[in-house]
Amino acid sequence: QVQLVESGGGLVQAGGSLRLSCAASGIIFGSNPMGWYRQAPGKERELVATFGRGGTTNYADSVKGRFTVSRDNAKNTVYLQMNSLKPEDTAVYYCNYRNTFGTNYWGQGTQVTVSS
């Protein structure tokens, strides 16, 4: 059974930093696409940063140069380091894993709020 558990969200002032963690179980870690999405109030869920099937990374234009996705294979954990945070980064951040059959799995989400 796939389980994704996020942590690390919170309230931070603009310009600050946060690191999100996603601990995964029930998957073959590192072999399939995995990463982070976010959803702001009244908006659709959008890609933030992900690892592709070959391990390449993909970032939304809005976070390039500020956010870094990384993973620790020994801990089955994916991280999202977020620097220079802006109020428009405020959203619920979700960990995502897509298996070989294209099925998406989601964590419960963690709230990130950036105050101006």
Protein backbone atom coordinates (compact mmCIF):
# COMPACT_ATOMS: atom_id res chain seq x y z
CA GLN A 1 0.00 0.00 0.00
CA VAL A 2 1.42 3.33 -1.09
CA GLN A 3 1.74 5.90 1.67
CA LEU A 4 3.13 9.41 1.34
CA VAL A 5 3.50 11.52 4.47
CA GLU A 6 4.45 15.18 4.16
CA SER A 7 5.86 17.41 6.85
CA GLY A 8 7.61 20.73 7.22
CA GLY A 9 4.97 23.25 6.27
CA GLY A 10 4.22 26.36 8.29
CA LEU A 11 4.08 30.13 8.41
CA VAL A 12 7.06 32.13 7.25
CA GLN A 13 7.73 35.73 6.30
CA ALA A 14 8.47 36.70 2.73
CA GLY A 15 12.11 36.05 1.92
CA GLY A 16 12.30 33.17 4.36
CA SER A 17 12.90 29.47 3.83
CA LEU A 18 11.19 26.18 4.54
CA ARG A 19 12.03 22.57 3.81
CA LEU A 20 9.29 20.07 3.12
CA SER A 21 9.75 16.33 3.51
CA CYS A 22 7.80 13.44 2.01
CA ALA A 23 8.39 10.03 3.53
CA ALA A 24 7.28 7.25 1.19
CA SER A 25 6.42 3.61 1.80
CA GLY A 26 5.01 0.84 -0.37
CA ILE A 27 6.81 2.02 -3.50
CA ILE A 28 9.97 1.23 -5.44
CA PHE A 29 11.70 4.43 -4.47
CA GLY A 30 13.66 6.22 -7.16
CA SER A 31 12.28 4.34 -10.14
CA ASN A 32 9.16 6.31 -11.01
CA PRO A 33 8.21 9.99 -11.19
CA MET A 34 7.88 11.63 -7.81
CA GLY A 35 7.81 15.17 -6.52
CA TRP A 36 5.78 18.13 -5.38
CA TYR A 37 2.64 19.91 -6.48
CA ARG A 38 0.73 22.75 -4.86
CA GLN A 39 -2.77 24.14 -4.81
CA ALA A 40 -3.64 27.68 -3.81
CA PRO A 41 -7.21 28.68 -2.84
CA GLY A 42 -9.41 28.94 -5.91
CA LYS A 43 -6.71 27.60 -8.22
CA GLU A 44 -5.93 24.28 -9.83
CA ARG A 45 -3.22 22.02 -8.53
CA GLU A 46 0.07 22.72 -10.29
CA LEU A 47 3.47 21.13 -10.62
CA VAL A 48 6.19 22.64 -8.45
CA ALA A 49 9.21 20.33 -8.78
CA THR A 50 9.53 16.68 -9.68
CA PHE A 51 11.94 13.88 -10.48
CA GLY A 52 11.20 12.23 -13.80
CA ARG A 53 11.53 8.54 -14.58
CA GLY A 54 15.19 8.93 -15.51
CA GLY A 55 15.95 11.00 -12.43
CA THR A 56 15.91 14.32 -14.24
CA THR A 57 14.33 17.25 -12.43
CA ASN A 58 11.57 19.52 -13.65
CA TYR A 59 10.63 22.85 -12.08
CA ALA A 60 7.82 25.30 -12.56
CA ASP A 61 9.13 28.54 -14.03
CA SER A 62 7.83 30.43 -11.00
CA VAL A 63 10.13 28.54 -8.60
CA LYS A 64 13.29 28.07 -10.67
CA GLY A 65 16.34 29.34 -8.84
CA ARG A 66 14.47 29.42 -5.51
CA PHE A 67 13.29 25.85 -4.90
CA THR A 68 15.33 22.64 -5.00
CA VAL A 69 13.95 19.11 -5.04
CA SER A 70 16.17 16.34 -3.70
CA ARG A 71 15.85 12.81 -2.38
CA ASP A 72 17.48 10.44 0.05
CA ASN A 73 17.14 6.89 -1.28
CA ALA A 74 18.25 5.37 2.02
CA LYS A 75 15.38 7.11 3.82
CA ASN A 76 12.79 6.82 1.02
CA THR A 77 12.28 10.55 1.39
CA VAL A 78 11.91 13.41 -1.06
CA TYR A 79 12.58 16.98 0.00
CA LEU A 80 11.65 20.41 -1.27
CA GLN A 81 13.94 23.19 -0.13
CA MET A 82 12.16 26.50 -0.61
CA ASN A 83 14.17 29.72 -0.40
CA SER A 84 13.27 33.36 -1.03
CA LEU A 85 9.63 32.56 -0.41
CA LYS A 86 6.98 34.92 -1.74
CA PRO A 87 3.35 35.44 -0.69
CA GLU A 88 2.29 33.87 -3.98
CA ASP A 89 3.93 30.62 -2.87
CA THR A 90 1.18 30.26 -0.27
CA ALA A 91 -0.62 26.98 -0.94
CA VAL A 92 -1.15 23.44 0.22
CA TYR A 93 1.82 21.42 -0.98
CA TYR A 94 1.28 17.79 -1.96
CA CYS A 95 3.74 14.99 -2.47
CA ASN A 96 3.05 12.93 -5.58
CA TYR A 97 4.13 9.51 -6.80
CA ARG A 98 3.16 7.99 -10.15
CA ASN A 99 3.55 4.26 -10.58
CA THR A 100 4.45 2.28 -13.70
CA PHE A 101 0.78 2.09 -14.74
CA GLY A 102 0.33 5.85 -14.54
CA THR A 103 -1.65 5.83 -11.30
CA ASN A 104 -1.08 8.93 -9.19
CA TYR A 105 -0.78 8.78 -5.43
CA TRP A 106 -0.97 11.85 -3.19
CA GLY A 107 -0.04 12.72 0.33
CA GLN A 108 -2.40 14.50 2.67
CA GLY A 109 -0.83 17.88 1.96
CA THR A 110 0.97 20.40 4.12
CA GLN A 111 0.09 24.09 4.35
CA VAL A 112 2.69 26.71 3.49
CA THR A 113 1.76 30.30 4.27
CA VAL A 114 4.05 33.18 3.35
CA SER A 115 3.24 36.54 4.91
CA SER A 116 4.20 39.82 3.29
